[in-house]
Amino acid sequence: MRMFHHSRILTLWSFVGVLVLISLFNVHSPSSIRAEETSVQDSLSVKVILQRKYLDGDISEEVSCESISSMQDLWRNYADWQLLDQNEERIVFQKQIDDISPLLKTNGYFGITGDGTLSIFNGRPKTNEVIQSFFQLDVEKLESRKHDELIEGIRIESKDQYLEVLKTYETYSKVEKK
């Protein structure tokens, strides 16, 4: 008799858990909320947003609608992603990518803005389409060859080159006096 009571309590809590899960995802159709017939095998539809954040700060986003049968399956599918946000309509995951973005690989150039700030441009610097700015350079310390390279634009082709250019030009950054 006592075992039967514990079994009924566990079944009741399992049922309550499924109902909470369904209400979290705002699935309120009569066919999905059947007290005795609701099971973990009923799938829920949820919008999943995957953000990839690259070294250069660019974030790409992939959006999909997924049917899941349990939250455990969802967490297992995205175990190597960080949960950023979750609400009734969507779940947002993010992953740090140890590389530069596809945009930089395709059309990124290091250059210098009019005020002497080391920046990345979408295309050659003369387009003035700044993607990201880093620090102001002491232009007077710059060798003329390096200055000319920045005016013309230094093509970004790899992560290693990206890091190398930043390191090289960091030595020419203006240091604010306190």
N, C-alpha and C. Protein backbone atom coordinates (compact mmCIF):
# COMPACT_ATOMS: atom_id res chain seq x y z
N MET A 1 0.83 -1.18 0.00
CA MET A 1 0.00 0.00 0.00
C MET A 1 0.88 1.26 0.00
N ARG A 2 1.93 1.30 0.82
CA ARG A 2 2.83 2.45 0.91
C ARG A 2 3.58 2.65 -0.41
N MET A 3 4.04 1.58 -1.06
CA MET A 3 4.73 1.67 -2.35
C MET A 3 3.80 2.26 -3.41
N PHE A 4 2.55 1.85 -3.37
CA PHE A 4 1.57 2.34 -4.33
C PHE A 4 1.41 3.85 -4.17
N HIS A 5 1.39 4.35 -2.95
CA HIS A 5 1.25 5.78 -2.67
C HIS A 5 2.43 6.56 -3.24
N HIS A 6 3.67 6.10 -3.03
CA HIS A 6 4.86 6.77 -3.57
C HIS A 6 4.84 6.77 -5.10
N SER A 7 4.40 5.69 -5.67
CA SER A 7 4.32 5.59 -7.13
C SER A 7 3.34 6.62 -7.69
N ARG A 8 2.21 6.79 -7.04
CA ARG A 8 1.20 7.76 -7.49
C ARG A 8 1.74 9.18 -7.37
N ILE A 9 2.49 9.48 -6.30
CA ILE A 9 3.07 10.82 -6.11
C ILE A 9 4.08 11.09 -7.22
N LEU A 10 4.94 10.12 -7.53
CA LEU A 10 5.93 10.29 -8.60
C LEU A 10 5.24 10.50 -9.94
N THR A 11 4.19 9.74 -10.22
CA THR A 11 3.44 9.91 -11.46
C THR A 11 2.81 11.29 -11.53
N LEU A 12 2.27 11.76 -10.41
CA LEU A 12 1.65 13.08 -10.36
C LEU A 12 2.70 14.16 -10.63
N TRP A 13 3.87 14.06 -10.00
CA TRP A 13 4.93 15.06 -10.22
C TRP A 13 5.44 15.02 -11.66
N SER A 14 5.54 13.86 -12.24
CA SER A 14 5.94 13.74 -13.64
C SER A 14 4.94 14.45 -14.54
N PHE A 15 3.66 14.23 -14.27
CA PHE A 15 2.60 14.85 -15.05
C PHE A 15 2.66 16.38 -14.90
N VAL A 16 2.85 16.86 -13.67
CA VAL A 16 2.94 18.30 -13.43
C VAL A 16 4.13 18.88 -14.18
N GLY A 17 5.26 18.18 -14.17
CA GLY A 17 6.45 18.64 -14.90
C GLY A 17 6.18 18.79 -16.38
N VAL A 18 5.48 17.86 -16.98
CA VAL A 18 5.15 17.94 -18.41
C VAL A 18 4.23 19.13 -18.66
N LEU A 19 3.25 19.35 -17.81
CA LEU A 19 2.35 20.50 -17.98
C LEU A 19 3.10 21.82 -17.87
N VAL A 20 4.04 21.91 -16.92
CA VAL A 20 4.84 23.13 -16.77
C VAL A 20 5.66 23.36 -18.03
N LEU A 21 6.27 22.30 -18.55
CA LEU A 21 7.05 22.40 -19.78
C LEU A 21 6.19 22.90 -20.94
N ILE A 22 5.01 22.36 -21.06
CA ILE A 22 4.11 22.77 -22.15
C ILE A 22 3.74 24.24 -21.98
N SER A 23 3.42 24.66 -20.77
CA SER A 23 3.03 26.06 -20.56
C SER A 23 4.21 27.00 -20.79
N LEU A 24 5.44 26.56 -20.49
CA LEU A 24 6.62 27.38 -20.75
C LEU A 24 6.75 27.72 -22.22
N PHE A 25 6.41 26.80 -23.06
CA PHE A 25 6.56 27.01 -24.49
C PHE A 25 5.27 27.48 -25.16
N ASN A 26 4.30 27.85 -24.34
CA ASN A 26 3.07 28.47 -24.83
C ASN A 26 2.33 27.59 -25.84
N VAL A 27 2.33 26.31 -25.59
CA VAL A 27 1.60 25.39 -26.47
C VAL A 27 0.29 25.07 -25.76
N HIS A 28 -0.79 25.71 -26.19
CA HIS A 28 -2.06 25.58 -25.49
C HIS A 28 -3.18 25.00 -26.35
N SER A 29 -2.84 24.25 -27.36
CA SER A 29 -3.90 23.67 -28.18
C SER A 29 -4.55 22.53 -27.42
N PRO A 30 -5.84 22.33 -27.62
CA PRO A 30 -6.55 21.28 -26.89
C PRO A 30 -5.92 19.90 -27.10
N SER A 31 -5.38 19.66 -28.28
CA SER A 31 -4.81 18.34 -28.53
C SER A 31 -3.52 18.12 -27.76
N SER A 32 -2.82 19.21 -27.38
CA SER A 32 -1.56 19.01 -26.68
C SER A 32 -1.73 18.96 -25.17
N ILE A 33 -2.88 19.38 -24.67
CA ILE A 33 -3.09 19.35 -23.22
C ILE A 33 -4.22 18.38 -22.92
N ARG A 34 -3.87 17.12 -22.86
CA ARG A 34 -4.82 16.08 -22.47
C ARG A 34 -4.25 15.45 -21.21
N ALA A 35 -4.94 15.64 -20.13
CA ALA A 35 -4.42 15.27 -18.82
C ALA A 35 -3.81 13.88 -18.77
N GLU A 36 -4.57 12.85 -19.08
CA GLU A 36 -4.05 11.50 -18.94
C GLU A 36 -3.17 11.09 -20.12
N GLU A 37 -3.33 11.74 -21.27
CA GLU A 37 -2.63 11.28 -22.46
C GLU A 37 -1.32 12.04 -22.75
N THR A 38 -1.03 13.11 -22.01
CA THR A 38 0.19 13.87 -22.26
C THR A 38 1.38 13.01 -21.88
N SER A 39 2.34 12.95 -22.79
CA SER A 39 3.54 12.17 -22.50
C SER A 39 4.76 12.96 -22.92
N VAL A 40 5.91 12.51 -22.48
CA VAL A 40 7.16 13.17 -22.82
C VAL A 40 7.41 13.07 -24.32
N GLN A 41 6.77 12.13 -25.01
CA GLN A 41 6.98 11.97 -26.43
C GLN A 41 6.29 13.05 -27.26
N ASP A 42 5.34 13.79 -26.68
CA ASP A 42 4.74 14.91 -27.39
C ASP A 42 5.84 15.93 -27.61
N SER A 43 5.96 16.43 -28.83
CA SER A 43 7.04 17.37 -29.09
C SER A 43 6.55 18.81 -28.98
N LEU A 44 7.46 19.67 -28.58
CA LEU A 44 7.19 21.08 -28.45
C LEU A 44 7.97 21.79 -29.54
N SER A 45 7.41 22.87 -30.06
CA SER A 45 8.10 23.64 -31.09
C SER A 45 8.68 24.89 -30.43
N VAL A 46 9.96 25.13 -30.68
CA VAL A 46 10.64 26.26 -30.08
C VAL A 46 11.59 26.90 -31.10
N LYS A 47 11.67 28.24 -31.07
CA LYS A 47 12.60 28.94 -31.95
C LYS A 47 13.97 28.92 -31.27
N VAL A 48 14.97 28.41 -31.98
CA VAL A 48 16.33 28.34 -31.46
C VAL A 48 17.20 29.30 -32.26
N ILE A 49 17.87 30.20 -31.54
CA ILE A 49 18.77 31.17 -32.18
C ILE A 49 20.19 30.82 -31.76
N LEU A 50 21.02 30.56 -32.76
CA LEU A 50 22.42 30.23 -32.51
C LEU A 50 23.28 31.41 -32.93
N GLN A 51 24.01 31.97 -31.98
CA GLN A 51 24.90 33.09 -32.28
C GLN A 51 26.34 32.60 -32.22
N ARG A 52 27.10 32.96 -33.25
CA ARG A 52 28.53 32.67 -33.27
C ARG A 52 29.27 34.00 -33.12
N LYS A 53 30.05 34.13 -32.06
CA LYS A 53 30.78 35.37 -31.80
C LYS A 53 32.25 35.13 -32.13
N TYR A 54 32.76 35.93 -33.08
CA TYR A 54 34.12 35.78 -33.58
C TYR A 54 35.09 36.69 -32.84
N LEU A 55 36.39 36.41 -32.99
CA LEU A 55 37.44 37.20 -32.34
C LEU A 55 37.33 38.69 -32.64
N ASP A 56 36.93 39.02 -33.85
CA ASP A 56 36.84 40.42 -34.25
C ASP A 56 35.57 41.10 -33.76
N GLY A 57 34.76 40.40 -32.99
CA GLY A 57 33.55 41.00 -32.42
C GLY A 57 32.30 40.78 -33.25
N ASP A 58 32.44 40.31 -34.49
CA ASP A 58 31.29 40.07 -35.35
C ASP A 58 30.47 38.91 -34.78
N ILE A 59 29.15 39.03 -34.86
CA ILE A 59 28.26 37.97 -34.39
C ILE A 59 27.35 37.58 -35.54
N SER A 60 27.39 36.30 -35.90
CA SER A 60 26.46 35.81 -36.91
C SER A 60 25.35 35.06 -36.19
N GLU A 61 24.17 35.04 -36.80
CA GLU A 61 23.00 34.44 -36.17
C GLU A 61 22.33 33.46 -37.12
N GLU A 62 21.98 32.32 -36.58
CA GLU A 62 21.24 31.31 -37.34
C GLU A 62 19.95 31.03 -36.55
N VAL A 63 18.82 31.12 -37.21
CA VAL A 63 17.53 30.92 -36.54
C VAL A 63 16.84 29.70 -37.13
N SER A 64 16.34 28.85 -36.25
CA SER A 64 15.59 27.69 -36.72
C SER A 64 14.45 27.41 -35.74
N CYS A 65 13.46 26.70 -36.23
CA CYS A 65 12.36 26.27 -35.39
C CYS A 65 12.53 24.77 -35.20
N GLU A 66 12.62 24.34 -33.97
CA GLU A 66 12.88 22.93 -33.70
C GLU A 66 11.76 22.31 -32.89
N SER A 67 11.49 21.06 -33.20
CA SER A 67 10.55 20.28 -32.40
C SER A 67 11.38 19.44 -31.45
N ILE A 68 11.09 19.56 -30.19
CA ILE A 68 11.84 18.80 -29.19
C ILE A 68 10.88 17.96 -28.37
N SER A 69 11.37 16.81 -27.98
CA SER A 69 10.52 15.94 -27.17
C SER A 69 10.82 16.09 -25.68
N SER A 70 12.01 16.63 -25.36
CA SER A 70 12.32 16.90 -23.96
C SER A 70 13.40 17.97 -23.89
N MET A 71 13.43 18.67 -22.77
CA MET A 71 14.46 19.68 -22.57
C MET A 71 15.84 19.03 -22.50
N GLN A 72 15.91 17.82 -21.99
CA GLN A 72 17.19 17.11 -21.93
C GLN A 72 17.78 16.94 -23.32
N ASP A 73 16.92 16.60 -24.30
CA ASP A 73 17.40 16.47 -25.68
C ASP A 73 17.95 17.78 -26.19
N LEU A 74 17.25 18.88 -25.89
CA LEU A 74 17.69 20.20 -26.34
C LEU A 74 19.04 20.54 -25.73
N TRP A 75 19.19 20.35 -24.42
CA TRP A 75 20.47 20.66 -23.76
C TRP A 75 21.58 19.77 -24.30
N ARG A 76 21.26 18.53 -24.58
CA ARG A 76 22.27 17.60 -25.12
C ARG A 76 22.70 18.05 -26.52
N ASN A 77 21.75 18.50 -27.34
CA ASN A 77 22.08 18.95 -28.70
C ASN A 77 22.97 20.19 -28.71
N TYR A 78 22.86 21.01 -27.67
CA TYR A 78 23.61 22.27 -27.62
C TYR A 78 24.53 22.33 -26.40
N ALA A 79 25.10 21.18 -26.05
CA ALA A 79 25.95 21.09 -24.85
C ALA A 79 27.18 21.99 -24.93
N ASP A 80 27.69 22.21 -26.14
CA ASP A 80 28.89 23.05 -26.27
C ASP A 80 28.56 24.51 -26.57
N TRP A 81 27.32 24.90 -26.37
CA TRP A 81 26.87 26.29 -26.55
C TRP A 81 26.52 26.86 -25.19
N GLN A 82 26.64 28.18 -25.05
CA GLN A 82 26.26 28.86 -23.81
C GLN A 82 24.85 29.41 -23.96
N LEU A 83 24.02 29.15 -22.97
CA LEU A 83 22.66 29.68 -22.97
C LEU A 83 22.71 31.17 -22.62
N LEU A 84 22.19 32.03 -23.52
CA LEU A 84 22.18 33.48 -23.28
C LEU A 84 20.83 33.96 -22.78
N ASP A 85 19.76 33.42 -23.36
CA ASP A 85 18.42 33.91 -23.03
C ASP A 85 17.41 32.82 -23.33
N GLN A 86 16.36 32.80 -22.55
CA GLN A 86 15.30 31.82 -22.75
C GLN A 86 13.99 32.45 -22.29
N ASN A 87 12.99 32.36 -23.13
CA ASN A 87 11.65 32.79 -22.73
C ASN A 87 10.63 31.87 -23.39
N GLU A 88 9.38 32.25 -23.36
CA GLU A 88 8.32 31.38 -23.90
C GLU A 88 8.43 31.17 -25.40
N GLU A 89 9.00 32.15 -26.12
CA GLU A 89 9.02 32.06 -27.58
C GLU A 89 10.33 31.53 -28.16
N ARG A 90 11.45 31.73 -27.43
CA ARG A 90 12.74 31.41 -28.05
C ARG A 90 13.79 31.05 -27.02
N ILE A 91 14.84 30.40 -27.53
CA ILE A 91 16.01 30.09 -26.73
C ILE A 91 17.21 30.58 -27.54
N VAL A 92 18.10 31.35 -26.88
CA VAL A 92 19.26 31.90 -27.57
C VAL A 92 20.52 31.27 -26.98
N PHE A 93 21.32 30.66 -27.86
CA PHE A 93 22.61 30.08 -27.48
C PHE A 93 23.71 30.86 -28.18
N GLN A 94 24.89 30.90 -27.55
CA GLN A 94 26.04 31.56 -28.19
C GLN A 94 27.27 30.69 -28.03
N LYS A 95 28.12 30.76 -29.04
CA LYS A 95 29.38 30.03 -29.02
C LYS A 95 30.49 30.99 -29.42
N GLN A 96 31.58 30.98 -28.66
CA GLN A 96 32.77 31.78 -28.99
C GLN A 96 33.56 31.02 -30.05
N ILE A 97 33.82 31.68 -31.17
CA ILE A 97 34.57 31.05 -32.26
C ILE A 97 35.99 31.61 -32.23
N ASP A 98 36.97 30.75 -32.14
CA ASP A 98 38.37 31.15 -32.07
C ASP A 98 38.93 31.37 -33.47
N ASP A 99 38.32 32.32 -34.17
CA ASP A 99 38.72 32.64 -35.54
C ASP A 99 38.12 34.00 -35.89
N ILE A 100 38.55 34.56 -37.01
CA ILE A 100 37.93 35.80 -37.48
C ILE A 100 36.68 35.46 -38.27
N SER A 101 35.81 36.43 -38.40
CA SER A 101 34.53 36.20 -39.05
C SER A 101 34.67 36.00 -40.55
N PRO A 102 33.71 35.33 -41.16
CA PRO A 102 33.71 35.17 -42.62
C PRO A 102 33.74 36.51 -43.35
N LEU A 103 33.10 37.55 -42.77
CA LEU A 103 33.11 38.88 -43.38
C LEU A 103 34.54 39.41 -43.51
N LEU A 104 35.33 39.27 -42.44
CA LEU A 104 36.72 39.73 -42.52
C LEU A 104 37.53 38.92 -43.52
N LYS A 105 37.33 37.62 -43.53
CA LYS A 105 38.07 36.78 -44.47
C LYS A 105 37.74 37.15 -45.91
N THR A 106 36.52 37.58 -46.14
CA THR A 106 36.07 37.91 -47.49
C THR A 106 36.47 39.30 -47.92
N ASN A 107 36.30 40.29 -47.03
CA ASN A 107 36.47 41.68 -47.47
C ASN A 107 37.03 42.61 -46.40
N GLY A 108 37.76 42.09 -45.42
CA GLY A 108 38.26 42.92 -44.33
C GLY A 108 39.65 43.47 -44.59
N TYR A 109 39.83 44.74 -44.23
CA TYR A 109 41.13 45.41 -44.35
C TYR A 109 41.39 46.22 -43.09
N PHE A 110 42.63 46.13 -42.58
CA PHE A 110 43.06 47.06 -41.54
C PHE A 110 43.38 48.37 -42.23
N GLY A 111 43.09 49.45 -41.55
CA GLY A 111 43.40 50.77 -42.08
C GLY A 111 43.39 51.79 -40.96
N ILE A 112 43.48 53.05 -41.36
CA ILE A 112 43.52 54.13 -40.38
C ILE A 112 42.45 55.16 -40.75
N THR A 113 41.74 55.63 -39.74
CA THR A 113 40.71 56.65 -39.98
C THR A 113 41.37 58.03 -39.99
N GLY A 114 40.60 59.05 -40.33
CA GLY A 114 41.11 60.42 -40.39
C GLY A 114 41.71 60.93 -39.09
N ASP A 115 41.19 60.42 -37.95
CA ASP A 115 41.73 60.87 -36.66
C ASP A 115 42.86 59.97 -36.15
N GLY A 116 43.32 59.04 -37.01
CA GLY A 116 44.46 58.19 -36.64
C GLY A 116 44.11 56.94 -35.87
N THR A 117 42.85 56.49 -35.93
CA THR A 117 42.44 55.29 -35.21
C THR A 117 42.62 54.05 -36.08
N LEU A 118 43.31 53.05 -35.53
CA LEU A 118 43.45 51.77 -36.23
C LEU A 118 42.07 51.13 -36.28
N SER A 119 41.63 50.78 -37.48
CA SER A 119 40.28 50.24 -37.65
C SER A 119 40.28 49.13 -38.69
N ILE A 120 39.18 48.38 -38.69
CA ILE A 120 38.94 47.39 -39.73
C ILE A 120 37.82 47.94 -40.60
N PHE A 121 38.03 47.83 -41.91
CA PHE A 121 37.08 48.35 -42.89
C PHE A 121 36.49 47.21 -43.70
N ASN A 122 35.26 47.40 -44.14
CA ASN A 122 34.63 46.49 -45.09
C ASN A 122 35.05 46.99 -46.47
N GLY A 123 36.10 46.41 -47.00
CA GLY A 123 36.72 46.90 -48.22
C GLY A 123 37.91 47.77 -47.86
N ARG A 124 38.51 48.35 -48.85
CA ARG A 124 39.69 49.21 -48.60
C ARG A 124 39.28 50.42 -47.77
N PRO A 125 40.24 50.98 -47.00
CA PRO A 125 39.93 52.11 -46.11
C PRO A 125 39.29 53.31 -46.80
N LYS A 126 39.57 53.52 -48.07
CA LYS A 126 38.99 54.69 -48.74
C LYS A 126 37.46 54.61 -48.84
N THR A 127 36.88 53.40 -48.57
CA THR A 127 35.42 53.27 -48.56
C THR A 127 34.80 53.91 -47.32
N ASN A 128 35.62 54.13 -46.30
CA ASN A 128 35.17 54.71 -45.02
C ASN A 128 34.11 53.86 -44.32
N GLU A 129 34.00 52.60 -44.67
CA GLU A 129 33.01 51.72 -44.03
C GLU A 129 33.68 50.94 -42.89
N VAL A 130 33.75 51.59 -41.72
CA VAL A 130 34.43 51.01 -40.56
C VAL A 130 33.56 49.91 -39.95
N ILE A 131 34.18 48.76 -39.74
CA ILE A 131 33.50 47.64 -39.07
C ILE A 131 33.80 47.68 -37.58
N GLN A 132 35.07 47.93 -37.24
CA GLN A 132 35.50 47.93 -35.85
C GLN A 132 36.70 48.85 -35.69
N SER A 133 36.74 49.58 -34.57
CA SER A 133 37.86 50.46 -34.27
C SER A 133 38.59 49.94 -33.04
N PHE A 134 39.90 50.16 -32.98
CA PHE A 134 40.70 49.62 -31.88
C PHE A 134 41.27 50.72 -30.98
N PHE A 135 42.30 51.41 -31.45
CA PHE A 135 42.96 52.42 -30.63
C PHE A 135 43.56 53.47 -31.55
N GLN A 136 43.82 54.63 -30.96
CA GLN A 136 44.38 55.72 -31.74
C GLN A 136 45.90 55.52 -31.82
N LEU A 137 46.42 55.73 -33.02
CA LEU A 137 47.85 55.57 -33.25
C LEU A 137 48.56 56.92 -33.14
N ASP A 138 49.79 56.86 -32.66
CA ASP A 138 50.64 58.04 -32.67
C ASP A 138 51.27 58.07 -34.06
N VAL A 139 50.62 58.77 -34.97
CA VAL A 139 50.99 58.77 -36.39
C VAL A 139 52.43 59.27 -36.58
N GLU A 140 52.89 60.17 -35.70
CA GLU A 140 54.25 60.70 -35.84
C GLU A 140 55.30 59.63 -35.54
N LYS A 141 54.98 58.64 -34.73
CA LYS A 141 55.91 57.54 -34.44
C LYS A 141 55.94 56.51 -35.57
N LEU A 142 54.87 56.47 -36.36
CA LEU A 142 54.75 55.46 -37.43
C LEU A 142 55.79 55.68 -38.52
N GLU A 143 56.42 54.62 -38.93
CA GLU A 143 57.30 54.70 -40.10
C GLU A 143 56.42 55.01 -41.31
N SER A 144 56.97 55.74 -42.27
CA SER A 144 56.16 56.15 -43.43
C SER A 144 55.63 54.94 -44.19
N ARG A 145 56.42 53.87 -44.26
CA ARG A 145 55.98 52.66 -44.96
C ARG A 145 54.75 52.06 -44.28
N LYS A 146 54.78 51.98 -42.96
CA LYS A 146 53.64 51.43 -42.21
C LYS A 146 52.41 52.34 -42.35
N HIS A 147 52.63 53.64 -42.32
CA HIS A 147 51.54 54.59 -42.50
C HIS A 147 50.91 54.41 -43.88
N ASP A 148 51.73 54.27 -44.90
CA ASP A 148 51.23 54.06 -46.27
C ASP A 148 50.45 52.75 -46.38
N GLU A 149 50.96 51.71 -45.72
CA GLU A 149 50.25 50.41 -45.72
C GLU A 149 48.84 50.58 -45.17
N LEU A 150 48.72 51.32 -44.06
CA LEU A 150 47.40 51.51 -43.44
C LEU A 150 46.49 52.36 -44.31
N ILE A 151 47.03 53.35 -44.97
CA ILE A 151 46.20 54.19 -45.85
C ILE A 151 45.69 53.36 -47.03
N GLU A 152 46.56 52.51 -47.56
CA GLU A 152 46.17 51.65 -48.69
C GLU A 152 45.25 50.51 -48.22
N GLY A 153 45.51 50.01 -47.02
CA GLY A 153 44.73 48.91 -46.45
C GLY A 153 45.53 47.63 -46.40
N ILE A 154 45.49 46.96 -45.28
CA ILE A 154 46.17 45.67 -45.11
C ILE A 154 45.09 44.59 -45.11
N ARG A 155 45.10 43.76 -46.13
CA ARG A 155 44.11 42.69 -46.29
C ARG A 155 44.20 41.71 -45.13
N ILE A 156 43.06 41.33 -44.58
CA ILE A 156 43.00 40.36 -43.48
C ILE A 156 42.59 39.01 -44.07
N GLU A 157 43.48 38.04 -43.94
CA GLU A 157 43.19 36.73 -44.55
C GLU A 157 43.11 35.59 -43.55
N SER A 158 43.64 35.80 -42.33
CA SER A 158 43.62 34.72 -41.35
C SER A 158 43.62 35.28 -39.93
N LYS A 159 43.32 34.42 -38.99
CA LYS A 159 43.33 34.77 -37.57
C LYS A 159 44.74 35.18 -37.16
N ASP A 160 45.73 34.40 -37.57
CA ASP A 160 47.11 34.70 -37.19
C ASP A 160 47.54 36.08 -37.69
N GLN A 161 47.20 36.40 -38.93
CA GLN A 161 47.56 37.69 -39.49
C GLN A 161 46.82 38.80 -38.74
N TYR A 162 45.57 38.60 -38.44
CA TYR A 162 44.76 39.56 -37.68
C TYR A 162 45.45 39.89 -36.35
N LEU A 163 45.83 38.85 -35.61
CA LEU A 163 46.47 39.04 -34.31
C LEU A 163 47.85 39.69 -34.46
N GLU A 164 48.57 39.31 -35.48
CA GLU A 164 49.91 39.87 -35.72
C GLU A 164 49.84 41.37 -36.02
N VAL A 165 48.90 41.80 -36.87
CA VAL A 165 48.75 43.21 -37.20
C VAL A 165 48.37 44.00 -35.95
N LEU A 166 47.45 43.49 -35.15
CA LEU A 166 47.07 44.18 -33.92
C LEU A 166 48.27 44.35 -32.99
N LYS A 167 49.05 43.28 -32.85
CA LYS A 167 50.22 43.32 -31.96
C LYS A 167 51.25 44.32 -32.49
N THR A 168 51.49 44.32 -33.78
CA THR A 168 52.47 45.21 -34.38
C THR A 168 52.09 46.67 -34.16
N TYR A 169 50.85 47.02 -34.46
CA TYR A 169 50.44 48.42 -34.39
C TYR A 169 50.12 48.88 -32.98
N GLU A 170 49.93 47.94 -32.07
CA GLU A 170 49.69 48.32 -30.67
C GLU A 170 50.90 49.07 -30.10
N THR A 171 52.09 48.76 -30.58
CA THR A 171 53.29 49.45 -30.11
C THR A 171 53.30 50.93 -30.51
N TYR A 172 52.47 51.29 -31.50
CA TYR A 172 52.37 52.68 -31.95
C TYR A 172 51.15 53.41 -31.38
N SER A 173 50.47 52.78 -30.44
CA SER A 173 49.25 53.40 -29.90
C SER A 173 49.60 54.57 -29.00
N LYS A 174 48.72 55.55 -29.00
CA LYS A 174 48.90 56.71 -28.13
C LYS A 174 48.56 56.28 -26.71
N VAL A 175 49.43 56.63 -25.80
CA VAL A 175 49.20 56.34 -24.39
C VAL A 175 48.77 57.63 -23.73
N GLU A 176 47.57 57.59 -23.15
CA GLU A 176 47.08 58.79 -22.49
C GLU A 176 47.81 59.00 -21.17
N LYS A 177 48.24 60.21 -20.94
CA LYS A 177 48.93 60.54 -19.69
C LYS A 177 47.91 60.91 -18.63
N LYS A 178 48.16 60.43 -17.42
CA LYS A 178 47.20 60.67 -16.33
C LYS A 178 47.67 61.80 -15.46
